[in-house]
Amino acid sequence: MLALSPVGYVLCNTYTMNAFVVPFFIAWAAKVSILRFFGNSVYRQSIPFFVGVALGDIVTQAGWALAGWAFNVPVYQFLS
């Protein structure tokens, strides 16, 4: 059954959604592929890896932002 999220409806026409269409599609394709070809047990085992990838990205961006602030150096801001 397909469930549509009200949050997705609100975000569908924003800059954030336009910036993240490809990562959302890649995440969806990875999830569907893992579930279809390997099953639910491998999917559940792969969740910590993908959460780690997302958290690693966030921590890295936060680290660069703090380093830029500490040394008064301009850093790249993806969304502002």
PDB file of N, CA and C in Angstrom:
ATOM      1  N   MET A   1       0.836  -1.178   0.000  1.00  0.00           N
ATOM      2  CA  MET A   1       0.000   0.000   0.000  1.00  0.00           C
ATOM      3  C   MET A   1       0.883   1.244   0.000  1.00  0.00           C
ATOM      4  N   LEU A   2       0.537   2.188  -0.819  1.00  0.00           N
ATOM      5  CA  LEU A   2       1.289   3.433  -0.927  1.00  0.00           C
ATOM      6  C   LEU A   2       0.699   4.458   0.020  1.00  0.00           C
ATOM      7  N   ALA A   3       1.526   4.965   0.913  1.00  0.00           N
ATOM      8  CA  ALA A   3       1.086   5.986   1.855  1.00  0.00           C
ATOM      9  C   ALA A   3       1.813   7.284   1.531  1.00  0.00           C
ATOM     10  N   LEU A   4       1.066   8.327   1.287  1.00  0.00           N
ATOM     11  CA  LEU A   4       1.644   9.631   0.995  1.00  0.00           C
ATOM     12  C   LEU A   4       1.730  10.441   2.284  1.00  0.00           C
ATOM     13  N   SER A   5       2.871  11.024   2.511  1.00  0.00           N
ATOM     14  CA  SER A   5       3.098  11.775   3.735  1.00  0.00           C
ATOM     15  C   SER A   5       2.655  13.231   3.557  1.00  0.00           C
ATOM     16  N   PRO A   6       1.986  13.797   4.552  1.00  0.00           N
ATOM     17  CA  PRO A   6       1.629  15.220   4.468  1.00  0.00           C
ATOM     18  C   PRO A   6       2.860  16.121   4.487  1.00  0.00           C
ATOM     19  N   VAL A   7       3.940  15.671   5.116  1.00  0.00           N
ATOM     20  CA  VAL A   7       5.175  16.455   5.125  1.00  0.00           C
ATOM     21  C   VAL A   7       5.749  16.525   3.708  1.00  0.00           C
ATOM     22  N   GLY A   8       5.711  15.419   2.996  1.00  0.00           N
ATOM     23  CA  GLY A   8       6.169  15.410   1.607  1.00  0.00           C
ATOM     24  C   GLY A   8       5.346  16.342   0.731  1.00  0.00           C
ATOM     25  N   TYR A   9       4.056  16.404   0.983  1.00  0.00           N
ATOM     26  CA  TYR A   9       3.192  17.308   0.216  1.00  0.00           C
ATOM     27  C   TYR A   9       3.569  18.767   0.455  1.00  0.00           C
ATOM     28  N   VAL A  10       3.871  19.115   1.693  1.00  0.00           N
ATOM     29  CA  VAL A  10       4.239  20.493   2.027  1.00  0.00           C
ATOM     30  C   VAL A  10       5.588  20.852   1.402  1.00  0.00           C
ATOM     31  N   LEU A  11       6.536  19.911   1.411  1.00  0.00           N
ATOM     32  CA  LEU A  11       7.883  20.187   0.918  1.00  0.00           C
ATOM     33  C   LEU A  11       8.048  20.041  -0.589  1.00  0.00           C
ATOM     34  N   CYS A  12       7.025  19.548  -1.276  1.00  0.00           N
ATOM     35  CA  CYS A  12       7.211  19.187  -2.685  1.00  0.00           C
ATOM     36  C   CYS A  12       7.566  20.367  -3.579  1.00  0.00           C
ATOM     37  N   ASN A  13       7.231  21.566  -3.216  1.00  0.00           N
ATOM     38  CA  ASN A  13       7.493  22.700  -4.095  1.00  0.00           C
ATOM     39  C   ASN A  13       8.420  23.716  -3.418  1.00  0.00           C
ATOM     40  N   THR A  14       9.438  23.228  -2.724  1.00  0.00           N
ATOM     41  CA  THR A  14      10.372  24.109  -2.047  1.00  0.00           C
ATOM     42  C   THR A  14      11.769  23.936  -2.627  1.00  0.00           C
ATOM     43  N   TYR A  15      12.638  24.864  -2.287  1.00  0.00           N
ATOM     44  CA  TYR A  15      14.022  24.784  -2.740  1.00  0.00           C
ATOM     45  C   TYR A  15      14.711  23.558  -2.167  1.00  0.00           C
ATOM     46  N   THR A  16      14.345  23.207  -0.933  1.00  0.00           N
ATOM     47  CA  THR A  16      14.948  22.033  -0.298  1.00  0.00           C
ATOM     48  C   THR A  16      14.651  20.779  -1.099  1.00  0.00           C
ATOM     49  N   MET A  17      13.431  20.614  -1.521  1.00  0.00           N
ATOM     50  CA  MET A  17      13.068  19.428  -2.298  1.00  0.00           C
ATOM     51  C   MET A  17      13.773  19.426  -3.648  1.00  0.00           C
ATOM     52  N   ASN A  18      13.865  20.583  -4.273  1.00  0.00           N
ATOM     53  CA  ASN A  18      14.565  20.655  -5.557  1.00  0.00           C
ATOM     54  C   ASN A  18      16.043  20.310  -5.398  1.00  0.00           C
ATOM     55  N   ALA A  19      16.629  20.666  -4.270  1.00  0.00           N
ATOM     56  CA  ALA A  19      18.049  20.389  -4.046  1.00  0.00           C
ATOM     57  C   ALA A  19      18.304  18.920  -3.734  1.00  0.00           C
ATOM     58  N   PHE A  20      17.305  18.209  -3.193  1.00  0.00           N
ATOM     59  CA  PHE A  20      17.518  16.840  -2.736  1.00  0.00           C
ATOM     60  C   PHE A  20      16.730  15.798  -3.514  1.00  0.00           C
ATOM     61  N   VAL A  21      16.275  16.089  -4.701  1.00  0.00           N
ATOM     62  CA  VAL A  21      15.523  15.117  -5.485  1.00  0.00           C
ATOM     63  C   VAL A  21      16.381  13.900  -5.809  1.00  0.00           C
ATOM     64  N   VAL A  22      17.592  14.106  -6.262  1.00  0.00           N
ATOM     65  CA  VAL A  22      18.463  12.986  -6.642  1.00  0.00           C
ATOM     66  C   VAL A  22      18.852  12.142  -5.427  1.00  0.00           C
ATOM     67  N   PRO A  23      19.281  12.731  -4.291  1.00  0.00           N
ATOM     68  CA  PRO A  23      19.561  11.877  -3.124  1.00  0.00           C
ATOM     69  C   PRO A  23      18.342  11.100  -2.637  1.00  0.00           C
ATOM     70  N   PHE A  24      17.147  11.696  -2.691  1.00  0.00           N
ATOM     71  CA  PHE A  24      15.944  10.968  -2.298  1.00  0.00           C
ATOM     72  C   PHE A  24      15.707   9.793  -3.230  1.00  0.00           C
ATOM     73  N   PHE A  25      15.910   9.994  -4.523  1.00  0.00           N
ATOM     74  CA  PHE A  25      15.719   8.914  -5.482  1.00  0.00           C
ATOM     75  C   PHE A  25      16.742   7.803  -5.269  1.00  0.00           C
ATOM     76  N   ILE A  26      17.993   8.167  -5.009  1.00  0.00           N
ATOM     77  CA  ILE A  26      19.030   7.156  -4.767  1.00  0.00           C
ATOM     78  C   ILE A  26      18.699   6.357  -3.511  1.00  0.00           C
ATOM     79  N   ALA A  27      18.248   7.024  -2.454  1.00  0.00           N
ATOM     80  CA  ALA A  27      17.880   6.323  -1.225  1.00  0.00           C
ATOM     81  C   ALA A  27      16.706   5.377  -1.463  1.00  0.00           C
ATOM     82  N   TRP A  28      15.717   5.840  -2.194  1.00  0.00           N
ATOM     83  CA  TRP A  28      14.573   4.993  -2.510  1.00  0.00           C
ATOM     84  C   TRP A  28      14.993   3.791  -3.346  1.00  0.00           C
ATOM     85  N   ALA A  29      15.833   4.012  -4.349  1.00  0.00           N
ATOM     86  CA  ALA A  29      16.284   2.916  -5.214  1.00  0.00           C
ATOM     87  C   ALA A  29      17.112   1.902  -4.431  1.00  0.00           C
ATOM     88  N   ALA A  30      17.953   2.375  -3.501  1.00  0.00           N
ATOM     89  CA  ALA A  30      18.743   1.459  -2.676  1.00  0.00           C
ATOM     90  C   ALA A  30      17.831   0.627  -1.784  1.00  0.00           C
ATOM     91  N   LYS A  31      16.841   1.257  -1.185  1.00  0.00           N
ATOM     92  CA  LYS A  31      15.918   0.536  -0.314  1.00  0.00           C
ATOM     93  C   LYS A  31      15.141  -0.516  -1.082  1.00  0.00           C
ATOM     94  N   VAL A  32      14.594  -0.146  -2.208  1.00  0.00           N
ATOM     95  CA  VAL A  32      13.809  -1.094  -3.004  1.00  0.00           C
ATOM     96  C   VAL A  32      14.685  -2.237  -3.501  1.00  0.00           C
ATOM     97  N   SER A  33      15.902  -1.920  -3.943  1.00  0.00           N
ATOM     98  CA  SER A  33      16.802  -2.962  -4.443  1.00  0.00           C
ATOM     99  C   SER A  33      17.191  -3.943  -3.337  1.00  0.00           C
ATOM    100  N   ILE A  34      17.544  -3.418  -2.165  1.00  0.00           N
ATOM    101  CA  ILE A  34      17.923  -4.301  -1.063  1.00  0.00           C
ATOM    102  C   ILE A  34      16.742  -5.175  -0.651  1.00  0.00           C
ATOM    103  N   LEU A  35      15.559  -4.599  -0.534  1.00  0.00           N
ATOM    104  CA  LEU A  35      14.394  -5.392  -0.151  1.00  0.00           C
ATOM    105  C   LEU A  35      14.041  -6.434  -1.201  1.00  0.00           C
ATOM    106  N   ARG A  36      14.119  -6.080  -2.459  1.00  0.00           N
ATOM    107  CA  ARG A  36      13.713  -6.996  -3.519  1.00  0.00           C
ATOM    108  C   ARG A  36      14.701  -8.136  -3.700  1.00  0.00           C
ATOM    109  N   PHE A  37      15.998  -7.828  -3.685  1.00  0.00           N
ATOM    110  CA  PHE A  37      16.988  -8.852  -4.015  1.00  0.00           C
ATOM    111  C   PHE A  37      17.547  -9.590  -2.803  1.00  0.00           C
ATOM    112  N   PHE A  38      17.517  -8.977  -1.615  1.00  0.00           N
ATOM    113  CA  PHE A  38      18.143  -9.592  -0.447  1.00  0.00           C
ATOM    114  C   PHE A  38      17.175  -9.863   0.697  1.00  0.00           C
ATOM    115  N   GLY A  39      16.058  -9.188   0.729  1.00  0.00           N
ATOM    116  CA  GLY A  39      15.065  -9.462   1.752  1.00  0.00           C
ATOM    117  C   GLY A  39      15.143  -8.535   2.952  1.00  0.00           C
ATOM    118  N   ASN A  40      14.219  -8.781   3.861  1.00  0.00           N
ATOM    119  CA  ASN A  40      14.045  -7.907   5.013  1.00  0.00           C
ATOM    120  C   ASN A  40      15.210  -8.001   6.001  1.00  0.00           C
ATOM    121  N   SER A  41      15.803  -9.177   6.156  1.00  0.00           N
ATOM    122  CA  SER A  41      16.882  -9.314   7.138  1.00  0.00           C
ATOM    123  C   SER A  41      18.111  -8.496   6.740  1.00  0.00           C
ATOM    124  N   VAL A  42      18.486  -8.514   5.471  1.00  0.00           N
ATOM    125  CA  VAL A  42      19.626  -7.714   5.003  1.00  0.00           C
ATOM    126  C   VAL A  42      19.275  -6.228   5.050  1.00  0.00           C
ATOM    127  N   TYR A  43      18.019  -5.901   4.762  1.00  0.00           N
ATOM    128  CA  TYR A  43      17.592  -4.501   4.840  1.00  0.00           C
ATOM    129  C   TYR A  43      17.775  -3.972   6.268  1.00  0.00           C
ATOM    130  N   ARG A  44      17.340  -4.741   7.255  1.00  0.00           N
ATOM    131  CA  ARG A  44      17.479  -4.313   8.652  1.00  0.00           C
ATOM    132  C   ARG A  44      18.941  -4.230   9.073  1.00  0.00           C
ATOM    133  N   GLN A  45      19.786  -5.105   8.529  1.00  0.00           N
ATOM    134  CA  GLN A  45      21.211  -5.043   8.848  1.00  0.00           C
ATOM    135  C   GLN A  45      21.890  -3.853   8.174  1.00  0.00           C
ATOM    136  N   SER A  46      21.345  -3.368   7.055  1.00  0.00           N
ATOM    137  CA  SER A  46      21.969  -2.265   6.329  1.00  0.00           C
ATOM    138  C   SER A  46      21.555  -0.890   6.861  1.00  0.00           C
ATOM    139  N   ILE A  47      20.534  -0.825   7.682  1.00  0.00           N
ATOM    140  CA  ILE A  47      20.055   0.464   8.197  1.00  0.00           C
ATOM    141  C   ILE A  47      21.148   1.218   8.957  1.00  0.00           C
ATOM    142  N   PRO A  48      21.905   0.587   9.873  1.00  0.00           N
ATOM    143  CA  PRO A  48      22.959   1.348  10.573  1.00  0.00           C
ATOM    144  C   PRO A  48      24.006   1.940   9.633  1.00  0.00           C
ATOM    145  N   PHE A  49      24.325   1.249   8.543  1.00  0.00           N
ATOM    146  CA  PHE A  49      25.290   1.796   7.592  1.00  0.00           C
ATOM    147  C   PHE A  49      24.771   3.091   6.973  1.00  0.00           C
ATOM    148  N   PHE A  50      23.531   3.090   6.514  1.00  0.00           N
ATOM    149  CA  PHE A  50      22.985   4.279   5.861  1.00  0.00           C
ATOM    150  C   PHE A  50      22.746   5.416   6.848  1.00  0.00           C
ATOM    151  N   VAL A  51      22.376   5.100   8.073  1.00  0.00           N
ATOM    152  CA  VAL A  51      22.263   6.141   9.105  1.00  0.00           C
ATOM    153  C   VAL A  51      23.640   6.731   9.388  1.00  0.00           C
ATOM    154  N   GLY A  52      24.662   5.886   9.416  1.00  0.00           N
ATOM    155  CA  GLY A  52      26.028   6.361   9.623  1.00  0.00           C
ATOM    156  C   GLY A  52      26.509   7.261   8.502  1.00  0.00           C
ATOM    157  N   VAL A  53      26.135   6.941   7.274  1.00  0.00           N
ATOM    158  CA  VAL A  53      26.509   7.792   6.138  1.00  0.00           C
ATOM    159  C   VAL A  53      25.868   9.171   6.296  1.00  0.00           C
ATOM    160  N   ALA A  54      24.586   9.207   6.654  1.00  0.00           N
ATOM    161  CA  ALA A  54      23.888  10.484   6.816  1.00  0.00           C
ATOM    162  C   ALA A  54      24.478  11.286   7.984  1.00  0.00           C
ATOM    163  N   LEU A  55      24.709  10.625   9.118  1.00  0.00           N
ATOM    164  CA  LEU A  55      25.277  11.324  10.270  1.00  0.00           C
ATOM    165  C   LEU A  55      26.705  11.773  10.008  1.00  0.00           C
ATOM    166  N   GLY A  56      27.474  10.974   9.280  1.00  0.00           N
ATOM    167  CA  GLY A  56      28.827  11.374   8.920  1.00  0.00           C
ATOM    168  C   GLY A  56      28.839  12.634   8.072  1.00  0.00           C
ATOM    169  N   ASP A  57      27.896  12.729   7.154  1.00  0.00           N
ATOM    170  CA  ASP A  57      27.793  13.924   6.322  1.00  0.00           C
ATOM    171  C   ASP A  57      27.454  15.142   7.175  1.00  0.00           C
ATOM    172  N   ILE A  58      26.519  14.989   8.090  1.00  0.00           N
ATOM    173  CA  ILE A  58      26.112  16.107   8.946  1.00  0.00           C
ATOM    174  C   ILE A  58      27.260  16.542   9.856  1.00  0.00           C
ATOM    175  N   VAL A  59      27.946  15.575  10.466  1.00  0.00           N
ATOM    176  CA  VAL A  59      29.051  15.899  11.374  1.00  0.00           C
ATOM    177  C   VAL A  59      30.197  16.567  10.618  1.00  0.00           C
ATOM    178  N   THR A  60      30.482  16.099   9.414  1.00  0.00           N
ATOM    179  CA  THR A  60      31.544  16.706   8.617  1.00  0.00           C
ATOM    180  C   THR A  60      31.208  18.153   8.267  1.00  0.00           C
ATOM    181  N   GLN A  61      29.973  18.393   7.830  1.00  0.00           N
ATOM    182  CA  GLN A  61      29.574  19.768   7.498  1.00  0.00           C
ATOM    183  C   GLN A  61      29.615  20.668   8.736  1.00  0.00           C
ATOM    184  N   ALA A  62      29.170  20.134   9.880  1.00  0.00           N
ATOM    185  CA  ALA A  62      29.216  20.919  11.116  1.00  0.00           C
ATOM    186  C   ALA A  62      30.648  21.208  11.524  1.00  0.00           C
ATOM    187  N   GLY A  63      31.527  20.242  11.348  1.00  0.00           N
ATOM    188  CA  GLY A  63      32.939  20.452  11.674  1.00  0.00           C
ATOM    189  C   GLY A  63      33.577  21.529  10.821  1.00  0.00           C
ATOM    190  N   TRP A  64      33.305  21.504   9.530  1.00  0.00           N
ATOM    191  CA  TRP A  64      33.851  22.548   8.659  1.00  0.00           C
ATOM    192  C   TRP A  64      33.271  23.918   9.004  1.00  0.00           C
ATOM    193  N   ALA A  65      31.981  23.952   9.338  1.00  0.00           N
ATOM    194  CA  ALA A  65      31.374  25.232   9.717  1.00  0.00           C
ATOM    195  C   ALA A  65      32.004  25.779  10.997  1.00  0.00           C
ATOM    196  N   LEU A  66      32.240  24.907  11.977  1.00  0.00           N
ATOM    197  CA  LEU A  66      32.884  25.348  13.218  1.00  0.00           C
ATOM    198  C   LEU A  66      34.330  25.778  12.976  1.00  0.00           C
ATOM    199  N   ALA A  67      35.038  25.056  12.123  1.00  0.00           N
ATOM    200  CA  ALA A  67      36.416  25.437  11.804  1.00  0.00           C
ATOM    201  C   ALA A  67      36.437  26.790  11.093  1.00  0.00           C
ATOM    202  N   GLY A  68      35.516  27.022  10.186  1.00  0.00           N
ATOM    203  CA  GLY A  68      35.438  28.311   9.508  1.00  0.00           C
ATOM    204  C   GLY A  68      35.117  29.434  10.460  1.00  0.00           C
ATOM    205  N   TRP A  69      34.226  29.151  11.424  1.00  0.00           N
ATOM    206  CA  TRP A  69      33.888  30.161  12.417  1.00  0.00           C
ATOM    207  C   TRP A  69      35.074  30.436  13.336  1.00  0.00           C
ATOM    208  N   ALA A  70      35.752  29.380  13.757  1.00  0.00           N
ATOM    209  CA  ALA A  70      36.865  29.532  14.697  1.00  0.00           C
ATOM    210  C   ALA A  70      38.037  30.289  14.075  1.00  0.00           C
ATOM    211  N   PHE A  71      38.314  30.042  12.807  1.00  0.00           N
ATOM    212  CA  PHE A  71      39.451  30.675  12.143  1.00  0.00           C
ATOM    213  C   PHE A  71      39.048  31.872  11.280  1.00  0.00           C
ATOM    214  N   ASN A  72      37.764  32.261  11.353  1.00  0.00           N
ATOM    215  CA  ASN A  72      37.247  33.400  10.610  1.00  0.00           C
ATOM    216  C   ASN A  72      37.530  33.262   9.108  1.00  0.00           C
ATOM    217  N   VAL A  73      37.230  32.083   8.589  1.00  0.00           N
ATOM    218  CA  VAL A  73      37.425  31.781   7.169  1.00  0.00           C
ATOM    219  C   VAL A  73      36.056  31.476   6.567  1.00  0.00           C
ATOM    220  N   PRO A  74      35.723  32.049   5.415  1.00  0.00           N
ATOM    221  CA  PRO A  74      34.425  31.730   4.816  1.00  0.00           C
ATOM    222  C   PRO A  74      34.386  30.274   4.349  1.00  0.00           C
ATOM    223  N   VAL A  75      33.265  29.630   4.612  1.00  0.00           N
ATOM    224  CA  VAL A  75      33.073  28.247   4.192  1.00  0.00           C
ATOM    225  C   VAL A  75      31.854  28.185   3.285  1.00  0.00           C
ATOM    226  N   TYR A  76      31.797  27.125   2.487  1.00  0.00           N
ATOM    227  CA  TYR A  76      30.685  26.922   1.570  1.00  0.00           C
ATOM    228  C   TYR A  76      29.436  26.547   2.346  1.00  0.00           C
ATOM    229  N   GLN A  77      28.340  27.232   2.067  1.00  0.00           N
ATOM    230  CA  GLN A  77      27.046  26.910   2.681  1.00  0.00           C
ATOM    231  C   GLN A  77      26.133  26.404   1.598  1.00  0.00           C
ATOM    232  N   PHE A  78      25.695  25.144   1.732  1.00  0.00           N
ATOM    233  CA  PHE A  78      24.858  24.549   0.694  1.00  0.00           C
ATOM    234  C   PHE A  78      23.487  25.197   0.629  1.00  0.00           C
ATOM    235  N   LEU A  79      22.789  25.239   1.750  1.00  0.00           N
ATOM    236  CA  LEU A  79      21.464  25.873   1.818  1.00  0.00           C
ATOM    237  C   LEU A  79      21.536  27.015   2.822  1.00  0.00           C
ATOM    238  N   SER A  80      21.154  28.201   2.392  1.00  0.00           N
ATOM    239  CA  SER A  80      21.123  29.302   3.345  1.00  0.00           C
ATOM    240  C   SER A  80      19.988  30.250   3.022  1.00  0.00           C
TER     241      SER A  80
END
